[in-house]
C-alpha atoms as a PDB file:
ATOM      1  CA  MET A   1     -53.113  59.367 -45.201  1.00  0.00           C
ATOM      2  CA  PHE A   2     -52.075  62.859 -46.268  1.00  0.00           C
ATOM      3  CA  ILE A   3     -49.246  64.770 -44.662  1.00  0.00           C
ATOM      4  CA  ALA A   4     -50.236  68.093 -46.254  1.00  0.00           C
ATOM      5  CA  SER A   5     -53.255  69.593 -48.008  1.00  0.00           C
ATOM      6  CA  SER A   6     -53.978  73.012 -49.467  1.00  0.00           C
ATOM      7  CA  GLU A   7     -57.123  74.417 -51.005  1.00  0.00           C
ATOM      8  CA  TYR A   8     -57.284  76.962 -53.806  1.00  0.00           C
ATOM      9  CA  ILE A   9     -59.783  78.406 -56.220  1.00  0.00           C
ATOM     10  CA  ALA A  10     -58.689  78.072 -59.845  1.00  0.00           C
ATOM     11  CA  LYS A  11     -60.127  80.303 -62.534  1.00  0.00           C
ATOM     12  CA  LYS A  12     -59.589  78.854 -65.990  1.00  0.00           C
ATOM     13  CA  ALA A  13     -58.846  81.045 -68.998  1.00  0.00           C
ATOM     14  CA  ASP A  14     -62.516  80.691 -70.052  1.00  0.00           C
ATOM     15  CA  SER A  15     -63.539  82.066 -66.589  1.00  0.00           C
ATOM     16  CA  THR A  16     -64.766  78.690 -65.312  1.00  0.00           C
ATOM     17  CA  ILE A  17     -64.161  78.495 -61.571  1.00  0.00           C
ATOM     18  CA  LEU A  18     -62.939  75.291 -59.941  1.00  0.00           C
ATOM     19  CA  ALA A  19     -62.192  74.598 -56.276  1.00  0.00           C
ATOM     20  CA  ILE A  20     -59.104  72.383 -56.044  1.00  0.00           C
ATOM     21  CA  LYS A  21     -57.422  70.613 -53.171  1.00  0.00           C
ATOM     22  CA  ILE A  22     -53.785  69.570 -53.392  1.00  0.00           C
ATOM     23  CA  ASN A  23     -52.937  66.550 -51.230  1.00  0.00           C
ATOM     24  CA  ILE A  24     -49.496  65.134 -50.516  1.00  0.00           C
ATOM     25  CA  GLY A  25     -49.373  61.743 -48.885  1.00  0.00           C
ATOM     26  CA  THR A  26     -47.173  60.518 -46.084  1.00  0.00           C
ATOM     27  CA  PRO A  27     -44.045  58.813 -47.465  1.00  0.00           C
ATOM     28  CA  GLU A  28     -44.327  55.049 -47.296  1.00  0.00           C
ATOM     29  CA  PRO A  29     -42.187  52.065 -48.296  1.00  0.00           C
ATOM     30  CA  ASP A  30     -42.764  51.175 -51.934  1.00  0.00           C
ATOM     31  CA  PRO A  31     -44.337  47.701 -52.053  1.00  0.00           C
ATOM     32  CA  VAL A  32     -42.986  47.033 -55.554  1.00  0.00           C
ATOM     33  CA  SER A  33     -39.393  47.418 -54.333  1.00  0.00           C
ATOM     34  CA  ASN A  34     -40.133  45.373 -51.188  1.00  0.00           C
ATOM     35  CA  GLY A  35     -39.556  48.483 -49.084  1.00  0.00           C
ATOM     36  CA  ALA A  36     -36.112  49.262 -50.506  1.00  0.00           C
ATOM     37  CA  ASP A  37     -37.428  52.587 -51.860  1.00  0.00           C
ATOM     38  CA  TYR A  38     -40.141  54.991 -50.757  1.00  0.00           C
ATOM     39  CA  ARG A  39     -43.100  56.573 -52.481  1.00  0.00           C
ATOM     40  CA  CYS A  40     -45.276  59.588 -51.789  1.00  0.00           C
ATOM     41  CA  LYS A  41     -48.764  60.101 -53.256  1.00  0.00           C
ATOM     42  CA  ILE A  42     -49.704  63.373 -54.934  1.00  0.00           C
ATOM     43  CA  GLU A  43     -53.396  63.942 -55.564  1.00  0.00           C
ATOM     44  CA  ILE A  44     -55.497  66.711 -57.078  1.00  0.00           C
ATOM     45  CA  SER A  45     -58.822  64.938 -57.554  1.00  0.00           C
ATOM     46  CA  GLU A  46     -60.517  67.847 -59.306  1.00  0.00           C
ATOM     47  CA  LEU A  47     -57.885  67.636 -62.077  1.00  0.00           C
ATOM     48  CA  SER A  48     -57.980  63.811 -62.135  1.00  0.00           C
ATOM     49  CA  PHE A  49     -54.335  63.806 -61.047  1.00  0.00           C
ATOM     50  CA  ARG A  50     -53.155  60.926 -58.870  1.00  0.00           C
ATOM     51  CA  GLU A  51     -49.509  59.948 -59.023  1.00  0.00           C
ATOM     52  CA  TYR A  52     -46.679  58.748 -56.812  1.00  0.00           C
ATOM     53  CA  SER A  53     -43.199  60.177 -56.557  1.00  0.00           C
ATOM     54  CA  TYR A  54     -40.442  57.724 -55.705  1.00  0.00           C
ATOM     55  CA  GLY A  55     -37.205  58.166 -53.812  1.00  0.00           C
ATOM     56  CA  VAL A  56     -34.429  56.221 -52.151  1.00  0.00           C
ATOM     57  CA  ASP A  57     -35.803  57.307 -48.773  1.00  0.00           C
ATOM     58  CA  ALA A  58     -38.826  59.032 -47.268  1.00  0.00           C
ATOM     59  CA  VAL A  59     -37.350  62.542 -47.468  1.00  0.00           C
ATOM     60  CA  GLN A  60     -36.430  62.248 -51.140  1.00  0.00           C
ATOM     61  CA  SER A  61     -39.872  60.892 -52.069  1.00  0.00           C
ATOM     62  CA  LEU A  62     -41.486  63.848 -50.252  1.00  0.00           C
ATOM     63  CA  CYS A  63     -39.206  66.411 -51.919  1.00  0.00           C
ATOM     64  CA  LEU A  64     -39.925  64.920 -55.320  1.00  0.00           C
ATOM     65  CA  ALA A  65     -43.666  65.004 -54.607  1.00  0.00           C
ATOM     66  CA  VAL A  66     -43.472  68.766 -54.119  1.00  0.00           C
ATOM     67  CA  GLN A  67     -41.440  69.124 -57.321  1.00  0.00           C
ATOM     68  CA  CYS A  68     -44.064  67.059 -59.135  1.00  0.00           C
ATOM     69  CA  LEU A  69     -46.589  69.801 -58.391  1.00  0.00           C
ATOM     70  CA  ARG A  70     -44.551  72.110 -60.621  1.00  0.00           C
ATOM     71  CA  TYR A  71     -45.336  69.870 -63.603  1.00  0.00           C
ATOM     72  CA  VAL A  72     -49.047  70.118 -62.839  1.00  0.00           C
ATOM     73  CA  ILE A  73     -49.381  73.805 -61.887  1.00  0.00           C
ATOM     74  CA  GLU A  74     -46.950  75.423 -64.339  1.00  0.00           C
ATOM     75  CA  PRO A  75     -48.774  74.334 -67.545  1.00  0.00           C
ATOM     76  CA  LEU A  76     -52.068  75.577 -66.093  1.00  0.00           C
ATOM     77  CA  THR A  77     -50.507  78.955 -65.320  1.00  0.00           C
ATOM     78  CA  LEU A  78     -49.115  79.148 -68.862  1.00  0.00           C
ATOM     79  CA  GLN A  79     -52.627  78.392 -70.192  1.00  0.00           C
ATOM     80  CA  GLY A  80     -53.952  81.447 -68.328  1.00  0.00           C
ATOM     81  CA  TRP A  81     -55.335  79.849 -65.190  1.00  0.00           C
ATOM     82  CA  LYS A  82     -55.417  82.119 -62.132  1.00  0.00           C
ATOM     83  CA  PHE A  83     -55.337  80.963 -58.522  1.00  0.00           C
ATOM     84  CA  TYR A  84     -56.839  82.378 -55.331  1.00  0.00           C
ATOM     85  CA  PHE A  85     -57.270  81.454 -51.688  1.00  0.00           C
ATOM     86  CA  PRO A  86     -60.899  80.378 -51.120  1.00  0.00           C
ATOM     87  CA  GLN A  87     -61.433  83.167 -48.597  1.00  0.00           C
ATOM     88  CA  ASP A  88     -59.994  85.906 -50.861  1.00  0.00           C
ATOM     89  CA  LEU A  89     -61.147  85.890 -54.461  1.00  0.00           C
ATOM     90  CA  GLU A  90     -60.087  89.507 -55.012  1.00  0.00           C
ATOM     91  CA  HIS A  91     -56.328  88.920 -54.846  1.00  0.00           C
ATOM     92  CA  GLU A  92     -54.754  86.570 -57.367  1.00  0.00           C
ATOM     93  CA  LEU A  93     -51.954  84.323 -56.102  1.00  0.00           C
ATOM     94  CA  ASP A  94     -48.712  83.732 -57.922  1.00  0.00           C
ATOM     95  CA  LEU A  95     -48.969  80.052 -57.061  1.00  0.00           C
ATOM     96  CA  MET A  96     -45.683  79.164 -58.748  1.00  0.00           C
ATOM     97  CA  SER A  97     -43.809  81.692 -56.590  1.00  0.00           C
ATOM     98  CA  ILE A  98     -45.601  80.543 -53.456  1.00  0.00           C
ATOM     99  CA  LEU A  99     -44.863  76.862 -53.990  1.00  0.00           C
ATOM    100  CA  PHE A 100     -41.442  77.287 -55.620  1.00  0.00           C
ATOM    101  CA  PRO A 101     -39.725  80.414 -54.297  1.00  0.00           C
ATOM    102  CA  VAL A 102     -36.600  81.493 -56.131  1.00  0.00           C
ATOM    103  CA  HIS A 103     -33.513  81.513 -53.955  1.00  0.00           C
ATOM    104  CA  THR A 104     -30.883  84.151 -54.590  1.00  0.00           C
END
């Protein structure tokens, strides 16, 4: 079960367009640790990305799941990918700033 999902249109540097959906799962006890730790699934099927983030509790596993997105999205941005909301392909999104605002 996913706790949060967002949809975007990604335009690769070669102009290929790809609809992507970012899914973050509900934190759950980690079965490997017999429930001592928690895990949270991160999934972007269109990029063949499916991983878990792990934490000492549910909140930490969720926070780390969001941080994990940085390691997926940032390299794409550096490679020239551009992101848009599906309903507005005329205005490019600064997805890194949206997902990871800088605090001053």
